[in-house]
Amino acid sequence: MLQIVTPIELRGRASALFIMIYGTFGMLVGPSLVALLADILGGDRALAMGMAVNCALCGGAAAACLCMGRSHAARAIQDLRLQNCAIQAAQV
């Protein structure tokens, strides 16, 4: 979707920025959240429970974001198809 909604002249920069933020967030927050959850939950299997809760929380948040953005994505794809049809009609 990033490539669809970004203007052509900014696609490289937008993709680089997205990858930088995504990677930094994943490296900093992911392991720290697992450790925090393991400390909070405690017990013999604290790390396993921390990882399970982390996957459930992050997976649930990702699924919610995808569901909320589904209609916007469909609209962006439809607009792109209409633009492509107009460009092809103008070339003929």
C-alpha atoms as a PDB file:
ATOM      1  CA  MET A   1       0.000   0.000   0.000  1.00  0.00           C
ATOM      2  CA  LEU A   2       2.928   2.306   0.642  1.00  0.00           C
ATOM      3  CA  GLN A   3       3.925   2.072  -3.018  1.00  0.00           C
ATOM      4  CA  ILE A   4       0.360   2.682  -4.204  1.00  0.00           C
ATOM      5  CA  VAL A   5      -0.408   5.801  -2.169  1.00  0.00           C
ATOM      6  CA  THR A   6       3.023   7.454  -2.428  1.00  0.00           C
ATOM      7  CA  PRO A   7       3.739   9.764  -5.375  1.00  0.00           C
ATOM      8  CA  ILE A   8       6.272   8.337  -7.828  1.00  0.00           C
ATOM      9  CA  GLU A   9       8.980  10.870  -7.016  1.00  0.00           C
ATOM     10  CA  LEU A  10       8.846  10.058  -3.276  1.00  0.00           C
ATOM     11  CA  ARG A  11       8.542   6.260  -3.315  1.00  0.00           C
ATOM     12  CA  GLY A  12      12.204   5.535  -2.622  1.00  0.00           C
ATOM     13  CA  ARG A  13      12.416   7.939   0.296  1.00  0.00           C
ATOM     14  CA  ALA A  14       9.116   6.779   1.765  1.00  0.00           C
ATOM     15  CA  SER A  15      10.164   3.123   1.539  1.00  0.00           C
ATOM     16  CA  ALA A  16      13.554   3.837   3.135  1.00  0.00           C
ATOM     17  CA  LEU A  17      11.943   5.777   5.973  1.00  0.00           C
ATOM     18  CA  PHE A  18       9.375   3.024   6.551  1.00  0.00           C
ATOM     19  CA  ILE A  19      12.044   0.310   6.680  1.00  0.00           C
ATOM     20  CA  MET A  20      14.211   2.385   9.035  1.00  0.00           C
ATOM     21  CA  ILE A  21      11.351   3.062  11.464  1.00  0.00           C
ATOM     22  CA  TYR A  22       9.977  -0.480  11.229  1.00  0.00           C
ATOM     23  CA  GLY A  23      13.386  -2.048  11.875  1.00  0.00           C
ATOM     24  CA  THR A  24      14.258   0.312  14.718  1.00  0.00           C
ATOM     25  CA  PHE A  25      10.895  -0.195  16.392  1.00  0.00           C
ATOM     26  CA  GLY A  26      11.180  -3.967  16.012  1.00  0.00           C
ATOM     27  CA  MET A  27      14.694  -4.118  17.446  1.00  0.00           C
ATOM     28  CA  LEU A  28      13.988  -1.806  20.377  1.00  0.00           C
ATOM     29  CA  VAL A  29      10.422  -2.553  21.419  1.00  0.00           C
ATOM     30  CA  GLY A  30      10.075  -6.260  20.602  1.00  0.00           C
ATOM     31  CA  PRO A  31      12.713  -7.752  22.917  1.00  0.00           C
ATOM     32  CA  SER A  32      12.057  -5.153  25.616  1.00  0.00           C
ATOM     33  CA  LEU A  33       8.345  -5.939  25.643  1.00  0.00           C
ATOM     34  CA  VAL A  34       9.007  -9.675  25.953  1.00  0.00           C
ATOM     35  CA  ALA A  35      11.384  -9.072  28.887  1.00  0.00           C
ATOM     36  CA  LEU A  36       8.910  -6.714  30.569  1.00  0.00           C
ATOM     37  CA  LEU A  37       6.069  -9.192  30.213  1.00  0.00           C
ATOM     38  CA  ALA A  38       8.282 -12.021  31.503  1.00  0.00           C
ATOM     39  CA  ASP A  39       9.141  -9.951  34.588  1.00  0.00           C
ATOM     40  CA  ILE A  40       5.508  -9.070  35.201  1.00  0.00           C
ATOM     41  CA  LEU A  41       4.208 -12.618  34.722  1.00  0.00           C
ATOM     42  CA  GLY A  42       7.018 -14.356  36.639  1.00  0.00           C
ATOM     43  CA  GLY A  43       6.943 -18.068  37.351  1.00  0.00           C
ATOM     44  CA  ASP A  44       8.806 -21.025  35.864  1.00  0.00           C
ATOM     45  CA  ARG A  45       7.813 -20.383  32.276  1.00  0.00           C
ATOM     46  CA  ALA A  46       7.933 -16.585  32.400  1.00  0.00           C
ATOM     47  CA  LEU A  47       9.833 -16.126  29.136  1.00  0.00           C
ATOM     48  CA  ALA A  48       7.528 -18.441  27.207  1.00  0.00           C
ATOM     49  CA  MET A  49       4.470 -16.683  28.609  1.00  0.00           C
ATOM     50  CA  GLY A  50       5.992 -13.278  27.836  1.00  0.00           C
ATOM     51  CA  MET A  51       6.570 -14.311  24.232  1.00  0.00           C
ATOM     52  CA  ALA A  52       3.057 -15.723  23.941  1.00  0.00           C
ATOM     53  CA  VAL A  53       1.418 -12.603  25.354  1.00  0.00           C
ATOM     54  CA  ASN A  54       3.622 -10.409  23.137  1.00  0.00           C
ATOM     55  CA  CYS A  55       2.563 -12.345  20.020  1.00  0.00           C
ATOM     56  CA  ALA A  56      -1.083 -12.173  21.030  1.00  0.00           C
ATOM     57  CA  LEU A  57      -0.974  -8.428  21.730  1.00  0.00           C
ATOM     58  CA  CYS A  58       1.046  -7.460  18.652  1.00  0.00           C
ATOM     59  CA  GLY A  59      -0.838  -9.875  16.393  1.00  0.00           C
ATOM     60  CA  GLY A  60      -4.172  -8.598  17.629  1.00  0.00           C
ATOM     61  CA  ALA A  61      -3.098  -4.981  17.135  1.00  0.00           C
ATOM     62  CA  ALA A  62      -1.868  -5.766  13.606  1.00  0.00           C
ATOM     63  CA  ALA A  63      -5.119  -7.530  12.726  1.00  0.00           C
ATOM     64  CA  ALA A  64      -7.137  -4.579  14.051  1.00  0.00           C
ATOM     65  CA  CYS A  65      -5.061  -2.127  11.979  1.00  0.00           C
ATOM     66  CA  LEU A  66      -5.513  -4.227   8.857  1.00  0.00           C
ATOM     67  CA  CYS A  67      -9.272  -4.437   9.372  1.00  0.00           C
ATOM     68  CA  MET A  68      -9.553  -0.677   9.926  1.00  0.00           C
ATOM     69  CA  GLY A  69      -7.507   0.104   6.818  1.00  0.00           C
ATOM     70  CA  ARG A  70      -9.187  -2.380   4.498  1.00  0.00           C
ATOM     71  CA  SER A  71     -11.784   0.027   3.102  1.00  0.00           C
ATOM     72  CA  HIS A  72      -9.185   2.759   2.568  1.00  0.00           C
ATOM     73  CA  ALA A  73      -6.911   0.308   0.764  1.00  0.00           C
ATOM     74  CA  ALA A  74      -9.724  -0.839  -1.505  1.00  0.00           C
ATOM     75  CA  ARG A  75     -10.518   2.777  -2.345  1.00  0.00           C
ATOM     76  CA  ALA A  76      -6.848   3.530  -3.137  1.00  0.00           C
ATOM     77  CA  ILE A  77      -6.619   0.483  -5.403  1.00  0.00           C
ATOM     78  CA  GLN A  78      -9.817   1.457  -7.193  1.00  0.00           C
ATOM     79  CA  ASP A  79      -8.517   5.005  -7.730  1.00  0.00           C
ATOM     80  CA  LEU A  80      -5.268   3.614  -9.129  1.00  0.00           C
ATOM     81  CA  ARG A  81      -7.186   1.368 -11.539  1.00  0.00           C
ATOM     82  CA  LEU A  82      -9.251   4.335 -12.729  1.00  0.00           C
ATOM     83  CA  GLN A  83      -6.083   6.382 -13.273  1.00  0.00           C
ATOM     84  CA  ASN A  84      -4.503   3.544 -15.258  1.00  0.00           C
ATOM     85  CA  CYS A  85      -7.635   3.209 -17.420  1.00  0.00           C
ATOM     86  CA  ALA A  86      -7.609   6.957 -18.108  1.00  0.00           C
ATOM     87  CA  ILE A  87      -3.903   6.864 -19.029  1.00  0.00           C
ATOM     88  CA  GLN A  88      -4.420   3.899 -21.372  1.00  0.00           C
ATOM     89  CA  ALA A  89      -7.425   5.575 -22.996  1.00  0.00           C
ATOM     90  CA  ALA A  90      -5.405   8.758 -23.543  1.00  0.00           C
ATOM     91  CA  GLN A  91      -2.581   6.776 -25.189  1.00  0.00           C
ATOM     92  CA  VAL A  92      -4.923   5.155 -27.717  1.00  0.00           C
END
